[in-house]
Amino acid sequence: AGKVCSRLYVEAGTEIAKELYFCFLVDRSSERIVMVGSSQG
């Protein structure tokens, strides 16, 4: 079904040397917050 775009965010361009991935989420199995990251974002 998708989602309709009704607003935009205009952002300054960035000179990227490296992209990473970073996240916090609730891990229900361990009943903890888990911090997740990767050097390959």
PDB file of all heavy atoms in Angstrom:
ATOM      1  N   ALA A   1       0.827  -1.214   0.000  1.00  0.00           N
ATOM      2  CA  ALA A   1       0.000   0.000   0.000  1.00  0.00           C
ATOM      3  C   ALA A   1       0.858   1.259   0.000  1.00  0.00           C
ATOM      4  O   ALA A   1       0.441   2.306  -0.507  1.00  0.00           O
ATOM      5  CB  ALA A   1      -0.936   0.004   1.197  1.00  0.00           C
ATOM      6  N   GLY A   2       2.078   1.178   0.538  1.00  0.00           N
ATOM      7  CA  GLY A   2       2.955   2.330   0.589  1.00  0.00           C
ATOM      8  C   GLY A   2       2.452   3.416   1.535  1.00  0.00           C
ATOM      9  O   GLY A   2       1.433   3.261   2.209  1.00  0.00           O
ATOM     10  N   LYS A   3       3.181   4.531   1.559  1.00  0.00           N
ATOM     11  CA  LYS A   3       2.800   5.686   2.367  1.00  0.00           C
ATOM     12  C   LYS A   3       3.016   6.960   1.573  1.00  0.00           C
ATOM     13  O   LYS A   3       3.986   7.089   0.836  1.00  0.00           O
ATOM     14  CB  LYS A   3       3.592   5.730   3.678  1.00  0.00           C
ATOM     15  CG  LYS A   3       3.209   4.608   4.642  1.00  0.00           C
ATOM     16  CD  LYS A   3       3.876   4.751   5.983  1.00  0.00           C
ATOM     17  CE  LYS A   3       3.399   3.644   6.934  1.00  0.00           C
ATOM     18  NZ  LYS A   3       4.038   3.759   8.262  1.00  0.00           N
ATOM     19  N   VAL A   4       2.085   7.893   1.728  1.00  0.00           N
ATOM     20  CA  VAL A   4       2.122   9.134   0.956  1.00  0.00           C
ATOM     21  C   VAL A   4       3.031  10.152   1.646  1.00  0.00           C
ATOM     22  O   VAL A   4       2.960  10.360   2.859  1.00  0.00           O
ATOM     23  CB  VAL A   4       0.711   9.714   0.800  1.00  0.00           C
ATOM     24  CG1 VAL A   4       0.767  11.070   0.093  1.00  0.00           C
ATOM     25  CG2 VAL A   4      -0.181   8.746   0.027  1.00  0.00           C
ATOM     26  N   CYS A   5       3.869  10.790   0.843  1.00  0.00           N
ATOM     27  CA  CYS A   5       4.763  11.837   1.351  1.00  0.00           C
ATOM     28  C   CYS A   5       4.052  13.188   1.296  1.00  0.00           C
ATOM     29  O   CYS A   5       3.642  13.627   0.225  1.00  0.00           O
ATOM     30  CB  CYS A   5       6.043  11.875   0.516  1.00  0.00           C
ATOM     31  SG  CYS A   5       7.101  13.298   0.861  1.00  0.00           S
ATOM     32  N   SER A   6       3.925  13.832   2.449  1.00  0.00           N
ATOM     33  CA  SER A   6       3.269  15.142   2.503  1.00  0.00           C
ATOM     34  C   SER A   6       4.196  16.234   3.015  1.00  0.00           C
ATOM     35  O   SER A   6       3.806  17.394   3.104  1.00  0.00           O
ATOM     36  CB  SER A   6       2.020  15.077   3.385  1.00  0.00           C
ATOM     37  OG  SER A   6       2.361  14.685   4.703  1.00  0.00           O
ATOM     38  N   ARG A   7       5.438  15.868   3.354  1.00  0.00           N
ATOM     39  CA  ARG A   7       6.410  16.858   3.811  1.00  0.00           C
ATOM     40  C   ARG A   7       7.816  16.391   3.458  1.00  0.00           C
ATOM     41  O   ARG A   7       8.065  15.193   3.311  1.00  0.00           O
ATOM     42  CB  ARG A   7       6.272  17.108   5.315  1.00  0.00           C
ATOM     43  CG  ARG A   7       6.559  15.911   6.176  1.00  0.00           C
ATOM     44  CD  ARG A   7       6.172  16.143   7.632  1.00  0.00           C
ATOM     45  NE  ARG A   7       4.736  16.013   7.837  1.00  0.00           N
ATOM     46  CZ  ARG A   7       4.124  16.161   9.015  1.00  0.00           C
ATOM     47  NH1 ARG A   7       4.831  16.463  10.083  1.00  0.00           N
ATOM     48  NH2 ARG A   7       2.839  16.014   9.120  1.00  0.00           N
ATOM     49  N   LEU A   8       8.726  17.350   3.334  1.00  0.00           N
ATOM     50  CA  LEU A   8      10.107  17.061   2.944  1.00  0.00           C
ATOM     51  C   LEU A   8      11.073  17.645   3.953  1.00  0.00           C
ATOM     52  O   LEU A   8      10.759  18.620   4.652  1.00  0.00           O
ATOM     53  CB  LEU A   8      10.407  17.659   1.565  1.00  0.00           C
ATOM     54  CG  LEU A   8       9.515  17.246   0.400  1.00  0.00           C
ATOM     55  CD1 LEU A   8       9.830  18.109  -0.824  1.00  0.00           C
ATOM     56  CD2 LEU A   8       9.708  15.775   0.071  1.00  0.00           C
ATOM     57  N   TYR A   9      12.247  17.055   3.999  1.00  0.00           N
ATOM     58  CA  TYR A   9      13.333  17.602   4.816  1.00  0.00           C
ATOM     59  C   TYR A   9      14.490  17.901   3.879  1.00  0.00           C
ATOM     60  O   TYR A   9      15.009  17.004   3.203  1.00  0.00           O
ATOM     61  CB  TYR A   9      13.750  16.592   5.882  1.00  0.00           C
ATOM     62  CG  TYR A   9      14.732  17.137   6.902  1.00  0.00           C
ATOM     63  CD1 TYR A   9      14.399  18.226   7.698  1.00  0.00           C
ATOM     64  CD2 TYR A   9      15.983  16.558   7.079  1.00  0.00           C
ATOM     65  CE1 TYR A   9      15.272  18.716   8.648  1.00  0.00           C
ATOM     66  CE2 TYR A   9      16.872  17.042   8.029  1.00  0.00           C
ATOM     67  CZ  TYR A   9      16.517  18.125   8.806  1.00  0.00           C
ATOM     68  OH  TYR A   9      17.391  18.611   9.738  1.00  0.00           O
ATOM     69  N   VAL A  10      14.850  19.174   3.811  1.00  0.00           N
ATOM     70  CA  VAL A  10      15.960  19.604   2.959  1.00  0.00           C
ATOM     71  C   VAL A  10      17.183  19.771   3.842  1.00  0.00           C
ATOM     72  O   VAL A  10      17.163  20.515   4.824  1.00  0.00           O
ATOM     73  CB  VAL A  10      15.631  20.924   2.238  1.00  0.00           C
ATOM     74  CG1 VAL A  10      16.789  21.343   1.329  1.00  0.00           C
ATOM     75  CG2 VAL A  10      14.342  20.792   1.430  1.00  0.00           C
ATOM     76  N   GLU A  11      18.260  19.081   3.482  1.00  0.00           N
ATOM     77  CA  GLU A  11      19.435  18.993   4.354  1.00  0.00           C
ATOM     78  C   GLU A  11      20.694  19.339   3.573  1.00  0.00           C
ATOM     79  O   GLU A  11      20.805  19.033   2.378  1.00  0.00           O
ATOM     80  CB  GLU A  11      19.527  17.578   4.908  1.00  0.00           C
ATOM     81  CG  GLU A  11      20.563  17.373   5.988  1.00  0.00           C
ATOM     82  CD  GLU A  11      20.448  15.973   6.560  1.00  0.00           C
ATOM     83  OE1 GLU A  11      20.729  15.005   5.830  1.00  0.00           O
ATOM     84  OE2 GLU A  11      20.059  15.847   7.735  1.00  0.00           O
ATOM     85  N   ALA A  12      21.635  19.962   4.254  1.00  0.00           N
ATOM     86  CA  ALA A  12      22.920  20.286   3.631  1.00  0.00           C
ATOM     87  C   ALA A  12      23.650  19.015   3.234  1.00  0.00           C
ATOM     88  O   ALA A  12      23.615  18.012   3.959  1.00  0.00           O
ATOM     89  CB  ALA A  12      23.775  21.103   4.592  1.00  0.00           C
ATOM     90  N   GLY A  13      24.285  19.043   2.081  1.00  0.00           N
ATOM     91  CA  GLY A  13      25.066  17.894   1.636  1.00  0.00           C
ATOM     92  C   GLY A  13      26.251  17.649   2.554  1.00  0.00           C
ATOM     93  O   GLY A  13      26.820  18.581   3.136  1.00  0.00           O
ATOM     94  N   THR A  14      26.628  16.383   2.696  1.00  0.00           N
ATOM     95  CA  THR A  14      27.720  15.992   3.585  1.00  0.00           C
ATOM     96  C   THR A  14      28.769  15.208   2.811  1.00  0.00           C
ATOM     97  O   THR A  14      28.429  14.320   2.023  1.00  0.00           O
ATOM     98  CB  THR A  14      27.185  15.114   4.741  1.00  0.00           C
ATOM     99  OG1 THR A  14      26.178  15.836   5.462  1.00  0.00           O
ATOM    100  CG2 THR A  14      28.300  14.727   5.698  1.00  0.00           C
ATOM    101  N   GLU A  15      30.028  15.556   3.019  1.00  0.00           N
ATOM    102  CA  GLU A  15      31.129  14.822   2.384  1.00  0.00           C
ATOM    103  C   GLU A  15      31.431  13.589   3.235  1.00  0.00           C
ATOM    104  O   GLU A  15      32.004  13.683   4.315  1.00  0.00           O
ATOM    105  CB  GLU A  15      32.364  15.717   2.260  1.00  0.00           C
ATOM    106  CG  GLU A  15      32.141  16.921   1.346  1.00  0.00           C
ATOM    107  CD  GLU A  15      33.367  17.814   1.284  1.00  0.00           C
ATOM    108  OE1 GLU A  15      34.207  17.758   2.213  1.00  0.00           O
ATOM    109  OE2 GLU A  15      33.507  18.565   0.301  1.00  0.00           O
ATOM    110  N   ILE A  16      31.033  12.437   2.740  1.00  0.00           N
ATOM    111  CA  ILE A  16      31.077  11.202   3.529  1.00  0.00           C
ATOM    112  C   ILE A  16      32.371  10.433   3.264  1.00  0.00           C
ATOM    113  O   ILE A  16      32.692  10.118   2.123  1.00  0.00           O
ATOM    114  CB  ILE A  16      29.872  10.305   3.196  1.00  0.00           C
ATOM    115  CG1 ILE A  16      28.565  11.058   3.486  1.00  0.00           C
ATOM    116  CG2 ILE A  16      29.939   9.006   3.976  1.00  0.00           C
ATOM    117  CD1 ILE A  16      27.332  10.330   3.003  1.00  0.00           C
ATOM    118  N   ALA A  17      33.079  10.140   4.352  1.00  0.00           N
ATOM    119  CA  ALA A  17      34.264   9.293   4.248  1.00  0.00           C
ATOM    120  C   ALA A  17      33.938   7.838   4.579  1.00  0.00           C
ATOM    121  O   ALA A  17      34.512   6.913   4.003  1.00  0.00           O
ATOM    122  CB  ALA A  17      35.362   9.805   5.186  1.00  0.00           C
ATOM    123  N   LYS A  18      32.975   7.653   5.503  1.00  0.00           N
ATOM    124  CA  LYS A  18      32.638   6.297   5.934  1.00  0.00           C
ATOM    125  C   LYS A  18      31.221   6.257   6.461  1.00  0.00           C
ATOM    126  O   LYS A  18      30.782   7.172   7.172  1.00  0.00           O
ATOM    127  CB  LYS A  18      33.620   5.848   7.030  1.00  0.00           C
ATOM    128  CG  LYS A  18      33.521   4.388   7.426  1.00  0.00           C
ATOM    129  CD  LYS A  18      34.593   4.039   8.448  1.00  0.00           C
ATOM    130  CE  LYS A  18      34.551   2.553   8.806  1.00  0.00           C
ATOM    131  NZ  LYS A  18      35.576   2.206   9.816  1.00  0.00           N
ATOM    132  N   GLU A  19      30.464   5.211   6.123  1.00  0.00           N
ATOM    133  CA  GLU A  19      29.109   5.025   6.607  1.00  0.00           C
ATOM    134  C   GLU A  19      29.060   3.895   7.634  1.00  0.00           C
ATOM    135  O   GLU A  19      29.592   2.809   7.403  1.00  0.00           O
ATOM    136  CB  GLU A  19      28.152   4.704   5.447  1.00  0.00           C
ATOM    137  CG  GLU A  19      27.956   5.849   4.475  1.00  0.00           C
ATOM    138  CD  GLU A  19      26.868   5.540   3.456  1.00  0.00           C
ATOM    139  OE1 GLU A  19      26.288   4.437   3.506  1.00  0.00           O
ATOM    140  OE2 GLU A  19      26.587   6.411   2.620  1.00  0.00           O
ATOM    141  N   LEU A  20      28.398   4.171   8.755  1.00  0.00           N
ATOM    142  CA  LEU A  20      28.282   3.204   9.852  1.00  0.00           C
ATOM    143  C   LEU A  20      26.809   2.969  10.172  1.00  0.00           C
ATOM    144  O   LEU A  20      25.938   3.739   9.765  1.00  0.00           O
ATOM    145  CB  LEU A  20      28.995   3.734  11.098  1.00  0.00           C
ATOM    146  CG  LEU A  20      30.390   4.329  10.905  1.00  0.00           C
ATOM    147  CD1 LEU A  20      30.840   5.027  12.176  1.00  0.00           C
ATOM    148  CD2 LEU A  20      31.373   3.249  10.489  1.00  0.00           C
ATOM    149  N   TYR A  21      26.562   1.913  10.907  1.00  0.00           N
ATOM    150  CA  TYR A  21      25.205   1.622  11.384  1.00  0.00           C
ATOM    151  C   TYR A  21      25.227   1.612  12.901  1.00  0.00           C
ATOM    152  O   TYR A  21      26.113   1.017  13.529  1.00  0.00           O
ATOM    153  CB  TYR A  21      24.717   0.263  10.863  1.00  0.00           C
ATOM    154  CG  TYR A  21      23.362  -0.123  11.415  1.00  0.00           C
ATOM    155  CD1 TYR A  21      22.196   0.308  10.799  1.00  0.00           C
ATOM    156  CD2 TYR A  21      23.251  -0.905  12.565  1.00  0.00           C
ATOM    157  CE1 TYR A  21      20.953  -0.025  11.311  1.00  0.00           C
ATOM    158  CE2 TYR A  21      22.009  -1.240  13.088  1.00  0.00           C
ATOM    159  CZ  TYR A  21      20.861  -0.796  12.456  1.00  0.00           C
ATOM    160  OH  TYR A  21      19.635  -1.122  12.961  1.00  0.00           O
ATOM    161  N   PHE A  22      24.200   2.254  13.519  1.00  0.00           N
ATOM    162  CA  PHE A  22      24.122   2.295  14.975  1.00  0.00           C
ATOM    163  C   PHE A  22      22.666   2.268  15.415  1.00  0.00           C
ATOM    164  O   PHE A  22      21.805   2.919  14.809  1.00  0.00           O
ATOM    165  CB  PHE A  22      24.804   3.546  15.522  1.00  0.00           C
ATOM    166  CG  PHE A  22      24.786   3.631  17.019  1.00  0.00           C
ATOM    167  CD1 PHE A  22      25.604   2.816  17.777  1.00  0.00           C
ATOM    168  CD2 PHE A  22      23.932   4.507  17.666  1.00  0.00           C
ATOM    169  CE1 PHE A  22      25.572   2.864  19.157  1.00  0.00           C
ATOM    170  CE2 PHE A  22      23.898   4.571  19.043  1.00  0.00           C
ATOM    171  CZ  PHE A  22      24.728   3.747  19.794  1.00  0.00           C
ATOM    172  N   CYS A  23      22.387   1.521  16.490  1.00  0.00           N
ATOM    173  CA  CYS A  23      20.998   1.358  16.915  1.00  0.00           C
ATOM    174  C   CYS A  23      20.922   0.964  18.389  1.00  0.00           C
ATOM    175  O   CYS A  23      21.800   0.266  18.909  1.00  0.00           O
ATOM    176  CB  CYS A  23      20.333   0.282  16.043  1.00  0.00           C
ATOM    177  SG  CYS A  23      18.665  -0.174  16.525  1.00  0.00           S
ATOM    178  N   PHE A  24      19.885   1.438  19.065  1.00  0.00           N
ATOM    179  CA  PHE A  24      19.465   0.925  20.365  1.00  0.00           C
ATOM    180  C   PHE A  24      18.066   0.348  20.189  1.00  0.00           C
ATOM    181  O   PHE A  24      17.210   0.970  19.551  1.00  0.00           O
ATOM    182  CB  PHE A  24      19.385   2.036  21.424  1.00  0.00           C
ATOM    183  CG  PHE A  24      20.699   2.449  22.015  1.00  0.00           C
ATOM    184  CD1 PHE A  24      21.239   3.690  21.728  1.00  0.00           C
ATOM    185  CD2 PHE A  24      21.385   1.608  22.879  1.00  0.00           C
ATOM    186  CE1 PHE A  24      22.446   4.089  22.277  1.00  0.00           C
ATOM    187  CE2 PHE A  24      22.595   1.999  23.439  1.00  0.00           C
ATOM    188  CZ  PHE A  24      23.129   3.245  23.135  1.00  0.00           C
ATOM    189  N   LEU A  25      17.810  -0.808  20.756  1.00  0.00           N
ATOM    190  CA  LEU A  25      16.458  -1.344  20.735  1.00  0.00           C
ATOM    191  C   LEU A  25      16.228  -2.233  21.946  1.00  0.00           C
ATOM    192  O   LEU A  25      17.177  -2.647  22.617  1.00  0.00           O
ATOM    193  CB  LEU A  25      16.177  -2.100  19.435  1.00  0.00           C
ATOM    194  CG  LEU A  25      17.116  -3.236  19.020  1.00  0.00           C
ATOM    195  CD1 LEU A  25      16.699  -4.547  19.664  1.00  0.00           C
ATOM    196  CD2 LEU A  25      17.119  -3.395  17.513  1.00  0.00           C
ATOM    197  N   VAL A  26      14.966  -2.505  22.227  1.00  0.00           N
ATOM    198  CA  VAL A  26      14.600  -3.364  23.356  1.00  0.00           C
ATOM    199  C   VAL A  26      14.612  -4.812  22.886  1.00  0.00           C
ATOM    200  O   VAL A  26      13.899  -5.180  21.956  1.00  0.00           O
ATOM    201  CB  VAL A  26      13.209  -2.989  23.905  1.00  0.00           C
ATOM    202  CG1 VAL A  26      12.812  -3.944  25.029  1.00  0.00           C
ATOM    203  CG2 VAL A  26      13.203  -1.545  24.407  1.00  0.00           C
ATOM    204  N   ASP A  27      15.447  -5.621  23.524  1.00  0.00           N
ATOM    205  CA  ASP A  27      15.539  -7.043  23.216  1.00  0.00           C
ATOM    206  C   ASP A  27      14.661  -7.793  24.206  1.00  0.00           C
ATOM    207  O   ASP A  27      15.008  -7.951  25.376  1.00  0.00           O
ATOM    208  CB  ASP A  27      16.998  -7.497  23.317  1.00  0.00           C
ATOM    209  CG  ASP A  27      17.163  -8.979  22.996  1.00  0.00           C
ATOM    210  OD1 ASP A  27      16.181  -9.607  22.565  1.00  0.00           O
ATOM    211  OD2 ASP A  27      18.275  -9.507  23.185  1.00  0.00           O
ATOM    212  N   ARG A  28      13.509  -8.258  23.751  1.00  0.00           N
ATOM    213  CA  ARG A  28      12.554  -8.900  24.652  1.00  0.00           C
ATOM    214  C   ARG A  28      13.079 -10.224  25.206  1.00  0.00           C
ATOM    215  O   ARG A  28      12.757 -10.608  26.328  1.00  0.00           O
ATOM    216  CB  ARG A  28      11.222  -9.129  23.923  1.00  0.00           C
ATOM    217  CG  ARG A  28      10.532  -7.836  23.518  1.00  0.00           C
ATOM    218  CD  ARG A  28       9.183  -8.099  22.880  1.00  0.00           C
ATOM    219  NE  ARG A  28       8.562  -6.860  22.431  1.00  0.00           N
ATOM    220  CZ  ARG A  28       7.839  -6.071  23.211  1.00  0.00           C
ATOM    221  NH1 ARG A  28       7.651  -6.390  24.470  1.00  0.00           N
ATOM    222  NH2 ARG A  28       7.299  -4.966  22.730  1.00  0.00           N
ATOM    223  N   SER A  29      13.874 -10.931  24.422  1.00  0.00           N
ATOM    224  CA  SER A  29      14.359 -12.237  24.870  1.00  0.00           C
ATOM    225  C   SER A  29      15.289 -12.111  26.078  1.00  0.00           C
ATOM    226  O   SER A  29      15.263 -12.933  26.988  1.00  0.00           O
ATOM    227  CB  SER A  29      15.077 -12.963  23.729  1.00  0.00           C
ATOM    228  OG  SER A  29      16.208 -12.226  23.296  1.00  0.00           O
ATOM    229  N   SER A  30      16.116 -11.070  26.093  1.00  0.00           N
ATOM    230  CA  SER A  30      17.042 -10.875  27.209  1.00  0.00           C
ATOM    231  C   SER A  30      16.514  -9.877  28.234  1.00  0.00           C
ATOM    232  O   SER A  30      17.124  -9.681  29.282  1.00  0.00           O
ATOM    233  CB  SER A  30      18.400 -10.392  26.687  1.00  0.00           C
ATOM    234  OG  SER A  30      18.278  -9.105  26.094  1.00  0.00           O
ATOM    235  N   GLU A  31      15.385  -9.218  27.916  1.00  0.00           N
ATOM    236  CA  GLU A  31      14.806  -8.193  28.776  1.00  0.00           C
ATOM    237  C   GLU A  31      15.824  -7.094  29.074  1.00  0.00           C
ATOM    238  O   GLU A  31      15.954  -6.620  30.199  1.00  0.00           O
ATOM    239  CB  GLU A  31      14.271  -8.819  30.074  1.00  0.00           C
ATOM    240  CG  GLU A  31      13.174  -9.840  29.834  1.00  0.00           C
ATOM    241  CD  GLU A  31      12.638 -10.443  31.117  1.00  0.00           C
ATOM    242  OE1 GLU A  31      13.314 -10.320  32.159  1.00  0.00           O
ATOM    243  OE2 GLU A  31      11.548 -11.031  31.080  1.00  0.00           O
ATOM    244  N   ARG A  32      16.537  -6.714  28.028  1.00  0.00           N
ATOM    245  CA  ARG A  32      17.554  -5.672  28.126  1.00  0.00           C
ATOM    246  C   ARG A  32      17.470  -4.760  26.909  1.00  0.00           C
ATOM    247  O   ARG A  32      16.939  -5.141  25.863  1.00  0.00           O
ATOM    248  CB  ARG A  32      18.969  -6.275  28.161  1.00  0.00           C
ATOM    249  CG  ARG A  32      19.259  -7.226  29.317  1.00  0.00           C
ATOM    250  CD  ARG A  32      19.480  -6.457  30.607  1.00  0.00           C
ATOM    251  NE  ARG A  32      19.953  -7.332  31.674  1.00  0.00           N
ATOM    252  CZ  ARG A  32      19.180  -8.070  32.446  1.00  0.00           C
ATOM    253  NH1 ARG A  32      17.862  -8.058  32.255  1.00  0.00           N
ATOM    254  NH2 ARG A  32      19.687  -8.815  33.416  1.00  0.00           N
ATOM    255  N   ILE A  33      18.022  -3.566  27.060  1.00  0.00           N
ATOM    256  CA  ILE A  33      18.281  -2.741  25.887  1.00  0.00           C
ATOM    257  C   ILE A  33      19.571  -3.248  25.266  1.00  0.00           C
ATOM    258  O   ILE A  33      20.561  -3.485  25.972  1.00  0.00           O
ATOM    259  CB  ILE A  33      18.405  -1.257  26.264  1.00  0.00           C
ATOM    260  CG1 ILE A  33      17.044  -0.702  26.703  1.00  0.00           C
ATOM    261  CG2 ILE A  33      18.942  -0.438  25.088  1.00  0.00           C
ATOM    262  CD1 ILE A  33      17.088   0.712  27.214  1.00  0.00           C
ATOM    263  N   VAL A  34      19.566  -3.436  23.954  1.00  0.00           N
ATOM    264  CA  VAL A  34      20.760  -3.904  23.273  1.00  0.00           C
ATOM    265  C   VAL A  34      21.253  -2.807  22.332  1.00  0.00           C
ATOM    266  O   VAL A  34      20.465  -2.148  21.642  1.00  0.00           O
ATOM    267  CB  VAL A  34      20.497  -5.221  22.505  1.00  0.00           C
ATOM    268  CG1 VAL A  34      19.418  -5.041  21.438  1.00  0.00           C
ATOM    269  CG2 VAL A  34      21.763  -5.753  21.868  1.00  0.00           C
ATOM    270  N   MET A  35      22.561  -2.583  22.347  1.00  0.00           N
ATOM    271  CA  MET A  35      23.200  -1.623  21.459  1.00  0.00           C
ATOM    272  C   MET A  35      23.774  -2.395  20.277  1.00  0.00           C
ATOM    273  O   MET A  35      24.507  -3.372  20.464  1.00  0.00           O
ATOM    274  CB  MET A  35      24.298  -0.876  22.224  1.00  0.00           C
ATOM    275  CG  MET A  35      25.079   0.127  21.409  1.00  0.00           C
ATOM    276  SD  MET A  35      26.100   1.228  22.437  1.00  0.00           S
ATOM    277  CE  MET A  35      27.050   0.051  23.415  1.00  0.00           C
ATOM    278  N   VAL A  36      23.413  -1.984  19.080  1.00  0.00           N
ATOM    279  CA  VAL A  36      23.802  -2.704  17.870  1.00  0.00           C
ATOM    280  C   VAL A  36      24.582  -1.761  16.964  1.00  0.00           C
ATOM    281  O   VAL A  36      24.190  -0.606  16.771  1.00  0.00           O
ATOM    282  CB  VAL A  36      22.564  -3.239  17.120  1.00  0.00           C
ATOM    283  CG1 VAL A  36      22.976  -4.052  15.904  1.00  0.00           C
ATOM    284  CG2 VAL A  36      21.686  -4.065  18.046  1.00  0.00           C
ATOM    285  N   GLY A  37      25.673  -2.249  16.396  1.00  0.00           N
ATOM    286  CA  GLY A  37      26.453  -1.404  15.504  1.00  0.00           C
ATOM    287  C   GLY A  37      27.218  -2.213  14.480  1.00  0.00           C
ATOM    288  O   GLY A  37      27.473  -3.408  14.657  1.00  0.00           O
ATOM    289  N   SER A  38      27.555  -1.552  13.381  1.00  0.00           N
ATOM    290  CA  SER A  38      28.357  -2.184  12.341  1.00  0.00           C
ATOM    291  C   SER A  38      29.160  -1.116  11.617  1.00  0.00           C
ATOM    292  O   SER A  38      28.689   0.007  11.408  1.00  0.00           O
ATOM    293  CB  SER A  38      27.468  -2.933  11.343  1.00  0.00           C
ATOM    294  OG  SER A  38      28.244  -3.445  10.273  1.00  0.00           O
ATOM    295  N   SER A  39      30.378  -1.497  11.234  1.00  0.00           N
ATOM    296  CA  SER A  39      31.224  -0.576  10.459  1.00  0.00           C
ATOM    297  C   SER A  39      30.796  -0.513   9.005  1.00  0.00           C
ATOM    298  O   SER A  39      31.335   0.267   8.224  1.00  0.00           O
ATOM    299  CB  SER A  39      32.690  -1.012  10.546  1.00  0.00           C
ATOM    300  OG  SER A  39      32.843  -2.336  10.036  1.00  0.00           O
ATOM    301  N   GLN A  40      29.812  -1.355   8.633  1.00  0.00           N
ATOM    302  CA  GLN A  40      29.301  -1.376   7.260  1.00  0.00           C
ATOM    303  C   GLN A  40      27.854  -0.885   7.262  1.00  0.00           C
ATOM    304  O   GLN A  40      26.910  -1.662   7.213  1.00  0.00           O
ATOM    305  CB  GLN A  40      29.386  -2.784   6.680  1.00  0.00           C
ATOM    306  CG  GLN A  40      30.790  -3.366   6.689  1.00  0.00           C
ATOM    307  CD  GLN A  40      30.825  -4.792   6.185  1.00  0.00           C
ATOM    308  OE1 GLN A  40      30.204  -5.124   5.180  1.00  0.00           O
ATOM    309  NE2 GLN A  40      31.555  -5.653   6.892  1.00  0.00           N
ATOM    310  N   GLY A  41      27.672   0.426   7.337  1.00  0.00           N
ATOM    311  CA  GLY A  41      26.335   1.004   7.372  1.00  0.00           C
ATOM    312  C   GLY A  41      25.801   1.275   5.978  1.00  0.00           C
ATOM    313  O   GLY A  41      26.393   0.899   4.971  1.00  0.00           O
TER     314      GLY A  41
END
